[in-house]
Structures are given as C-alpha cells and as structure tokens.
Amino acid sequence: MKYFLGIDIGGTKCGVVLGNTKGDLGSAKLEIVHKFRFLTDLEKGPNYNINRICESIEEMLIRYKVKMEEVESIGISCGGPLDSRKGIILSPPNLPGWDNIYIVEIIEKRFKVKTRLQNDANACALAEWKFGAGRGFKNLVFLTFGTGMGAGLILDGKLYSGTSDMAGEIGHIRMEQSGPIGYGKVGSFEGFCSGGGIAQLAKMKVMERLLAGEKVSFCDGIHKIEEINAKIVSDAAKNGDELAKEIYEISGYYLGCGISILIDILNPEVIIVGSIFVRSRELLWDKALQVIEKESLERSKGVCKVVSAELGENIGDYAALAVACNEY
C-alpha cells in the first residue's frame, strides 16, 4: 500500500486529498481515501491559506491513522503562471497576492516529503492520462474548457510543459478580431470557449434581442442580463430555446477551430475535453465536428478521437494526486 497526498489550490477553494495505490504505479488503481475542501480566503493572503492546507493534511493523517513516513510524495495543482522546476507559484490572476510563493519548499520543509508542483491543466492531463480517458495513449491533449481554456500536453508518453512552463496556453490564441474576451484578448479561443466567454456571448446576444423588443426565455429584462452565466444558457438550450442553442453552437464552432489547430500541429491520438464539454456535449459537438471535418488534415484527423473527460467533478482531486504519484 502506497499513500500519496494531493493539494489543489484555486482562487475559489482549496482542496486536500489522501489517496493510495496497491502494486506498481504503472498499473495500479488510485483510490481516494478522503478529501477536504475549504473556501480560499484571498483577503488573508497565501500564508493563512497554506497554513490551513497544512493543518488539514495533519488532521487527515491522524484521522486515517497514516504516518507521514508512509506518504510517498505530495502533489500540488495550481493555476499558472508558475515554475514547476523550482516549485514556485509566480502570480496567478485568480490568486492575487500569491507572488513568488516557494510552495514546494514550504511543504517539503514542513512534512519532509518529496513534493511536486504543476499547473492545473498539466495536472488534469496527467490525471486523465493515468486514471481516466487517456489511459493507454502516448500522445494526448487535455482541454480544460471551464472557467478558462487551457491545454495539458502528453507527447511521446511524457508531460510536455515547454521551456518556461507555458506550453498549452491555447486559450490565448486569437480566433477573431472581435468577440468575447478571454485570457485578456478579444476574440480569443478562451473568449469563445469558456464559462466566462459563453456568458459574455450570451449577454451580447440577449441585449440585441431585448433592444429589438423581443423576449428571451432565460432573461426577463435588461436589468437581469448581468445574472446570465453558461449554466443558465445551457439549461435553456436543453429546454429547446433557440437563442441559447445558437450561443452554444457558436462556442462549438470555435471549439472545432481550436481542436483542428491541435490536430494539425500535434497529431495526437486523443483530445480529452473537460468541464463544460462533459456537461453540454450535445450542444457543442455537432458544430465542432463539422468544423473538424472541414479544417483538419485527413491523415491526422483519422488517428485522433475527441472524447469527454472521465474523471468528472473529481478531476481536481485526481489531478493533484497524479502530480504526486507520477514521475515525468
């Protein structure tokens, strides 16, 4: 029995997870023993939240009678930018005040256990590769498609993070000169294919309809526009609202554009798409597939499949543990 600890650091919440495996890591199944989450208190800064993470680990180990000497390693998943080699959280936009935090050094000093750090997209790619939809493949791409749009890359059986940990930032690619804003860029892939981007697109479309004197089933009036989010639009589309379906088709179109770029450049075996795609695939995929069929190279397209992430709402837990228990 081998134990591993995972730490998932986010702007909204942080999580700590204890997992174990039996047998060789290459073939072992990872079991989650326990997980604990708490809201990130951004106002109290990194020291407060890191200390709470450490206290949660200590409480968890006591509760499950696991000695620290039995823990093989600790993995940390956090939004970038970061330096995975030096173990430093640089300055993530969703974690204001977390500037140049030597998180690996802090954790290793406290627990005396080997600790690794990866950005969340890379961590999720590792998780799906080892424990989810990417098992058995050597070349895969994981797309987050959640709050933002990022990619984790497994190439030739290894995690590829680039020269400065910036590989896979596909959300920054510009798709159009105008459109919703994502990753600080108008008309970016993230602008069209993320929760925030879909919400922006919906607000623009709804405003046009309301100003034209038309009714919108999922928005009672201009004063309600700011309440629109991707889930509200998704629910409306699944209930047959034509405008909501149009909004998701637009997002699906640009998802197809982005996937086509990845197919042509990286020639992967599988592209795994998470979060919003998992929940709303039926609203996105037909349009995305039309674009992929038209835009991507036949030989590359023929060996690549696009699938939904398997790990679902638990992917953050598996991602942090995957960083802990995988050499890369």
Protein backbone atom coordinates (compact mmCIF):
# COMPACT_ATOMS: atom_id res chain seq x y z
CA MET A 1 0.00 0.00 0.00
CA LYS A 2 1.41 3.38 -1.04
CA TYR A 3 -0.07 6.67 0.15
CA PHE A 4 0.00 9.98 -1.69
CA LEU A 5 -1.22 13.47 -0.80
CA GLY A 6 -2.66 15.98 -3.24
CA ILE A 7 -3.15 19.72 -2.81
CA ASP A 8 -5.45 21.61 -5.18
CA ILE A 9 -5.05 25.40 -4.89
CA GLY A 10 -7.68 27.58 -6.54
CA GLY A 11 -8.95 31.12 -6.34
CA THR A 12 -12.35 29.97 -5.07
CA LYS A 13 -11.43 26.93 -2.98
CA CYS A 14 -8.53 24.78 -1.92
CA GLY A 15 -8.60 21.03 -1.52
CA VAL A 16 -6.52 18.38 0.18
CA VAL A 17 -6.85 14.72 -0.78
CA LEU A 18 -5.36 11.48 0.51
CA GLY A 19 -5.05 8.59 -1.93
CA ASN A 20 -3.44 5.18 -2.08
CA THR A 21 -2.42 2.58 -4.61
CA LYS A 22 -1.63 -1.11 -4.41
CA GLY A 23 1.10 -2.56 -6.57
CA ASP A 24 3.17 -0.96 -9.30
CA LEU A 25 2.23 2.63 -10.16
CA GLY A 26 2.17 1.85 -13.85
CA SER A 27 -0.80 -0.47 -13.46
CA ALA A 28 -2.19 0.39 -10.03
CA LYS A 29 -5.60 1.87 -9.50
CA LEU A 30 -5.69 5.03 -7.46
CA GLU A 31 -8.19 5.08 -4.61
CA ILE A 32 -9.24 8.29 -2.92
CA VAL A 33 -9.31 7.69 0.82
CA HIS A 34 -10.54 11.12 1.90
CA LYS A 35 -10.75 14.67 0.63
CA PHE A 36 -11.35 18.00 2.28
CA ARG A 37 -12.13 21.40 0.76
CA PHE A 38 -12.36 24.90 2.13
CA LEU A 39 -13.00 28.32 0.61
CA THR A 40 -9.86 30.23 -0.29
CA ASP A 41 -9.67 33.39 1.81
CA LEU A 42 -7.93 35.73 -0.59
CA GLU A 43 -8.09 38.65 1.82
CA LYS A 44 -5.97 36.79 4.39
CA GLY A 45 -3.26 36.03 1.86
CA PRO A 46 -1.15 32.99 0.98
CA ASN A 47 0.38 32.30 4.41
CA TYR A 48 -3.02 31.85 6.04
CA ASN A 49 -4.32 29.55 3.31
CA ILE A 50 -1.11 27.50 3.09
CA ASN A 51 -1.12 27.01 6.86
CA ARG A 52 -4.73 25.85 6.67
CA ILE A 53 -3.76 23.37 3.94
CA CYS A 54 -1.00 22.00 6.15
CA GLU A 55 -3.28 21.71 9.17
CA SER A 56 -5.85 19.88 7.04
CA ILE A 57 -3.19 17.39 5.96
CA GLU A 58 -2.16 16.77 9.55
CA GLU A 59 -5.77 16.27 10.68
CA MET A 60 -6.46 13.92 7.77
CA LEU A 61 -3.44 11.73 8.50
CA ILE A 62 -4.37 11.49 12.18
CA ARG A 63 -7.97 10.60 11.33
CA TYR A 64 -6.96 7.77 8.99
CA LYS A 65 -4.01 6.61 11.10
CA VAL A 66 -1.46 7.23 8.35
CA LYS A 67 2.07 8.15 9.38
CA MET A 68 3.91 10.78 7.39
CA GLU A 69 6.66 8.19 6.75
CA GLU A 70 4.06 6.16 4.82
CA VAL A 71 3.41 9.03 2.38
CA GLU A 72 5.43 8.57 -0.81
CA SER A 73 5.05 12.09 -2.17
CA ILE A 74 2.86 15.19 -2.32
CA GLY A 75 1.47 16.77 -5.49
CA ILE A 76 0.29 20.35 -5.87
CA SER A 77 -2.02 21.53 -8.65
CA CYS A 78 -2.38 25.29 -9.05
CA GLY A 79 -3.28 27.77 -11.76
CA GLY A 80 -0.33 29.35 -13.54
CA PRO A 81 1.89 31.08 -14.16
CA LEU A 82 4.32 29.04 -12.10
CA ASP A 83 7.75 27.48 -12.23
CA SER A 84 7.29 23.75 -11.80
CA ARG A 85 11.01 23.02 -11.80
CA LYS A 86 11.77 25.39 -8.94
CA GLY A 87 8.41 24.81 -7.24
CA ILE A 88 7.32 28.45 -7.29
CA ILE A 89 3.82 29.90 -7.70
CA LEU A 90 4.55 33.12 -9.60
CA SER A 91 1.45 35.33 -9.77
CA PRO A 92 -1.78 33.58 -10.82
CA PRO A 93 -4.52 36.05 -11.78
CA ASN A 94 -7.05 34.13 -9.67
CA LEU A 95 -4.78 34.30 -6.61
CA PRO A 96 -3.95 37.99 -6.05
CA GLY A 97 -1.07 38.41 -3.65
CA TRP A 98 0.37 34.95 -4.33
CA ASP A 99 3.57 36.32 -5.85
CA ASN A 100 6.75 34.22 -5.90
CA ILE A 101 5.50 31.71 -3.35
CA TYR A 102 8.05 28.90 -2.89
CA ILE A 103 5.26 26.44 -2.22
CA VAL A 104 7.28 23.24 -2.74
CA GLU A 105 9.98 24.41 -0.32
CA ILE A 106 7.32 25.34 2.26
CA ILE A 107 5.56 21.97 2.05
CA GLU A 108 8.75 19.91 1.99
CA LYS A 109 10.17 21.78 4.98
CA ARG A 110 7.02 21.11 6.99
CA PHE A 111 6.40 17.48 6.05
CA LYS A 112 9.84 16.20 4.92
CA VAL A 113 8.24 14.51 1.89
CA LYS A 114 9.10 14.86 -1.81
CA THR A 115 6.72 17.44 -3.30
CA ARG A 116 5.96 18.36 -6.92
CA LEU A 117 4.10 21.31 -8.46
CA GLN A 118 2.23 21.56 -11.77
CA ASN A 119 -0.25 23.96 -13.28
CA ASP A 120 -3.83 22.75 -13.21
CA ALA A 121 -4.15 21.98 -16.93
CA ASN A 122 -1.00 19.83 -16.88
CA ALA A 123 -2.16 18.14 -13.68
CA CYS A 124 -5.52 17.31 -15.24
CA ALA A 125 -3.77 15.94 -18.32
CA LEU A 126 -1.71 13.65 -16.09
CA ALA A 127 -4.84 12.54 -14.24
CA GLU A 128 -6.83 11.68 -17.36
CA TRP A 129 -3.76 10.01 -18.87
CA LYS A 130 -3.15 7.74 -15.90
CA PHE A 131 -6.62 7.27 -14.43
CA GLY A 132 -9.20 8.47 -16.96
CA ALA A 133 -9.97 8.70 -20.67
CA GLY A 134 -6.33 8.88 -21.71
CA ARG A 135 -5.20 5.51 -20.37
CA GLY A 136 -3.08 3.59 -22.87
CA PHE A 137 -2.27 6.57 -25.12
CA LYS A 138 1.15 8.14 -25.71
CA ASN A 139 0.04 11.38 -27.37
CA LEU A 140 -2.90 13.26 -25.91
CA VAL A 141 -4.20 16.74 -25.26
CA PHE A 142 -6.43 17.71 -22.35
CA LEU A 143 -8.57 20.84 -22.73
CA THR A 144 -9.94 22.40 -19.54
CA PHE A 145 -12.96 24.25 -21.06
CA GLY A 146 -14.15 25.51 -17.68
CA THR A 147 -13.60 28.91 -16.09
CA GLY A 148 -10.86 29.28 -18.67
CA MET A 149 -9.45 27.37 -21.63
CA GLY A 150 -6.04 25.78 -21.31
CA ALA A 151 -4.35 22.61 -22.51
CA GLY A 152 -2.20 19.96 -20.93
CA LEU A 153 0.02 18.01 -23.31
CA ILE A 154 1.27 14.44 -23.07
CA LEU A 155 3.64 13.89 -26.00
CA ASP A 156 5.52 10.66 -26.67
CA GLY A 157 4.47 9.39 -23.26
CA LYS A 158 5.75 12.39 -21.31
CA LEU A 159 4.25 15.59 -19.96
CA TYR A 160 5.38 18.50 -22.13
CA SER A 161 5.38 21.84 -20.33
CA GLY A 162 7.65 23.90 -22.57
CA THR A 163 10.75 25.99 -21.92
CA SER A 164 9.14 28.24 -19.29
CA ASP A 165 6.09 26.18 -18.23
CA MET A 166 3.91 27.98 -20.79
CA ALA A 167 3.17 25.15 -23.23
CA GLY A 168 -0.51 24.53 -23.86
CA GLU A 169 -1.79 28.09 -23.40
CA ILE A 170 -4.14 27.60 -26.33
CA GLY A 171 -6.80 29.85 -24.79
CA HIS A 172 -4.64 32.84 -25.74
CA ILE A 173 -4.84 32.11 -29.48
CA ARG A 174 -6.89 34.72 -31.32
CA MET A 175 -9.79 33.28 -33.30
CA GLU A 176 -11.40 36.56 -34.40
CA GLN A 177 -10.62 40.28 -34.32
CA SER A 178 -13.77 40.85 -32.29
CA GLY A 179 -15.84 38.80 -29.88
CA PRO A 180 -15.87 37.89 -26.20
CA ILE A 181 -12.75 38.49 -24.14
CA GLY A 182 -10.76 35.62 -22.65
CA TYR A 183 -7.21 35.45 -21.36
CA GLY A 184 -7.01 39.23 -21.75
CA LYS A 185 -7.58 39.06 -25.50
CA VAL A 186 -10.64 39.95 -27.56
CA GLY A 187 -11.84 37.12 -29.80
CA SER A 188 -9.54 34.52 -28.24
CA PHE A 189 -10.18 30.78 -28.06
CA GLU A 190 -10.85 31.20 -24.33
CA GLY A 191 -13.21 34.06 -25.15
CA PHE A 192 -15.40 31.75 -27.20
CA CYS A 193 -14.83 28.50 -25.28
CA SER A 194 -15.02 29.03 -21.54
CA GLY A 195 -17.72 29.62 -18.96
CA GLY A 196 -17.00 33.33 -18.85
CA GLY A 197 -16.80 33.56 -22.63
CA ILE A 198 -20.14 31.84 -23.18
CA ALA A 199 -21.69 34.19 -20.62
CA GLN A 200 -20.26 37.23 -22.45
CA LEU A 201 -21.51 35.95 -25.78
CA ALA A 202 -24.95 35.32 -24.30
CA LYS A 203 -25.15 38.81 -22.79
CA MET A 204 -24.35 40.38 -26.16
CA LYS A 205 -26.94 38.25 -27.99
CA VAL A 206 -29.61 38.79 -25.33
CA MET A 207 -29.06 42.56 -25.33
CA GLU A 208 -29.57 42.62 -29.11
CA ARG A 209 -32.84 40.71 -28.78
CA LEU A 210 -34.17 42.78 -25.89
CA LEU A 211 -33.33 46.10 -27.59
CA ALA A 212 -35.20 44.83 -30.66
CA GLY A 213 -38.27 44.33 -28.47
CA GLU A 214 -38.07 40.54 -28.48
CA LYS A 215 -38.48 38.30 -25.44
CA VAL A 216 -35.81 35.91 -24.17
CA SER A 217 -36.93 32.92 -22.14
CA PHE A 218 -33.87 32.84 -19.89
CA CYS A 219 -33.66 36.60 -19.20
CA ASP A 220 -36.63 38.70 -18.00
CA GLY A 221 -35.17 42.06 -18.96
CA ILE A 222 -32.10 44.24 -19.37
CA HIS A 223 -31.75 44.53 -15.59
CA LYS A 224 -31.22 40.76 -15.43
CA ILE A 225 -28.54 40.47 -18.12
CA GLU A 226 -25.61 40.50 -15.69
CA GLU A 227 -27.01 37.40 -13.98
CA ILE A 228 -26.60 35.28 -17.14
CA ASN A 229 -23.99 32.54 -16.95
CA ALA A 230 -23.07 29.49 -19.03
CA LYS A 231 -25.24 27.14 -16.98
CA ILE A 232 -28.35 29.30 -17.38
CA VAL A 233 -27.81 29.30 -21.15
CA SER A 234 -27.11 25.56 -21.19
CA ASP A 235 -30.30 24.79 -19.26
CA ALA A 236 -32.31 26.96 -21.64
CA ALA A 237 -30.76 25.30 -24.68
CA LYS A 238 -31.55 21.84 -23.33
CA ASN A 239 -35.14 23.02 -22.88
CA GLY A 240 -35.30 23.99 -26.55
CA ASP A 241 -34.61 27.74 -26.51
CA GLU A 242 -33.33 28.60 -30.00
CA LEU A 243 -31.20 31.58 -28.95
CA ALA A 244 -29.49 29.54 -26.23
CA LYS A 245 -28.82 26.74 -28.72
CA GLU A 246 -27.37 29.30 -31.16
CA ILE A 247 -24.99 30.59 -28.48
CA TYR A 248 -23.69 27.11 -27.76
CA GLU A 249 -23.38 26.38 -31.47
CA ILE A 250 -21.14 29.45 -31.81
CA SER A 251 -18.98 28.15 -28.98
CA GLY A 252 -18.99 24.72 -30.61
CA TYR A 253 -17.83 26.22 -33.89
CA TYR A 254 -14.78 27.79 -32.27
CA LEU A 255 -14.14 24.65 -30.25
CA GLY A 256 -13.89 22.86 -33.59
CA CYS A 257 -11.48 25.52 -34.85
CA GLY A 258 -9.24 25.13 -31.81
CA ILE A 259 -9.30 21.36 -31.92
CA SER A 260 -8.45 21.42 -35.63
CA ILE A 261 -5.36 23.50 -34.88
CA LEU A 262 -4.27 20.99 -32.24
CA ILE A 263 -4.88 18.03 -34.54
CA ASP A 264 -2.81 19.58 -37.34
CA ILE A 265 0.09 20.77 -35.15
CA LEU A 266 0.42 17.96 -32.61
CA ASN A 267 -1.04 14.92 -34.40
CA PRO A 268 -2.41 13.43 -31.13
CA GLU A 269 -4.19 10.13 -30.64
CA VAL A 270 -6.88 11.61 -28.41
CA ILE A 271 -8.10 15.03 -27.30
CA ILE A 272 -9.91 14.97 -23.97
CA VAL A 273 -12.22 17.86 -23.17
CA GLY A 274 -13.43 18.59 -19.66
CA SER A 275 -15.93 20.57 -17.61
CA ILE A 276 -18.49 22.39 -19.81
CA PHE A 277 -17.97 19.93 -22.67
CA VAL A 278 -18.72 17.00 -20.36
CA ARG A 279 -21.96 18.61 -19.17
CA SER A 280 -23.10 20.05 -22.51
CA ARG A 281 -21.51 17.92 -25.22
CA GLU A 282 -24.81 17.54 -27.08
CA LEU A 283 -24.99 21.32 -27.53
CA LEU A 284 -21.41 21.72 -28.79
CA TRP A 285 -20.25 18.63 -30.60
CA ASP A 286 -22.25 18.61 -33.85
CA LYS A 287 -20.99 22.06 -34.83
CA ALA A 288 -17.44 21.32 -33.61
CA LEU A 289 -17.32 18.10 -35.61
CA GLN A 290 -18.45 19.88 -38.78
CA VAL A 291 -15.50 22.26 -38.43
CA ILE A 292 -13.02 19.49 -37.64
CA GLU A 293 -14.13 17.51 -40.69
CA LYS A 294 -13.63 20.57 -42.88
CA GLU A 295 -10.48 22.10 -41.41
CA SER A 296 -8.13 19.39 -40.13
CA LEU A 297 -5.75 17.24 -42.15
CA GLU A 298 -7.28 13.93 -43.14
CA ARG A 299 -4.35 11.77 -42.08
CA SER A 300 -4.09 13.46 -38.68
CA LYS A 301 -7.84 13.55 -38.12
CA GLY A 302 -8.13 9.87 -38.94
CA VAL A 303 -5.98 8.79 -35.98
CA CYS A 304 -7.41 11.22 -33.42
CA LYS A 305 -10.58 10.91 -31.42
CA VAL A 306 -12.21 13.59 -29.27
CA VAL A 307 -13.72 12.37 -26.00
CA SER A 308 -15.20 13.74 -22.80
CA ALA A 309 -13.11 13.68 -19.65
CA GLU A 310 -13.89 10.67 -17.46
CA LEU A 311 -12.97 11.93 -14.03
CA GLY A 312 -15.80 14.45 -13.82
CA GLU A 313 -16.19 16.57 -10.70
CA ASN A 314 -13.36 14.63 -9.02
CA ILE A 315 -10.74 15.64 -11.56
CA GLY A 316 -9.17 18.25 -9.25
CA ASP A 317 -8.54 15.56 -6.64
CA TYR A 318 -7.12 13.09 -9.14
CA ALA A 319 -5.05 15.84 -10.76
CA ALA A 320 -3.23 16.75 -7.54
CA LEU A 321 -2.64 13.07 -6.75
CA ALA A 322 -1.43 12.42 -10.31
CA VAL A 323 1.23 15.10 -9.83
CA ALA A 324 2.28 13.31 -6.63
CA CYS A 325 2.47 9.76 -7.96
CA ASN A 326 3.79 10.23 -11.48
CA GLU A 327 7.39 10.75 -12.48
CA TYR A 328 7.56 12.98 -15.53
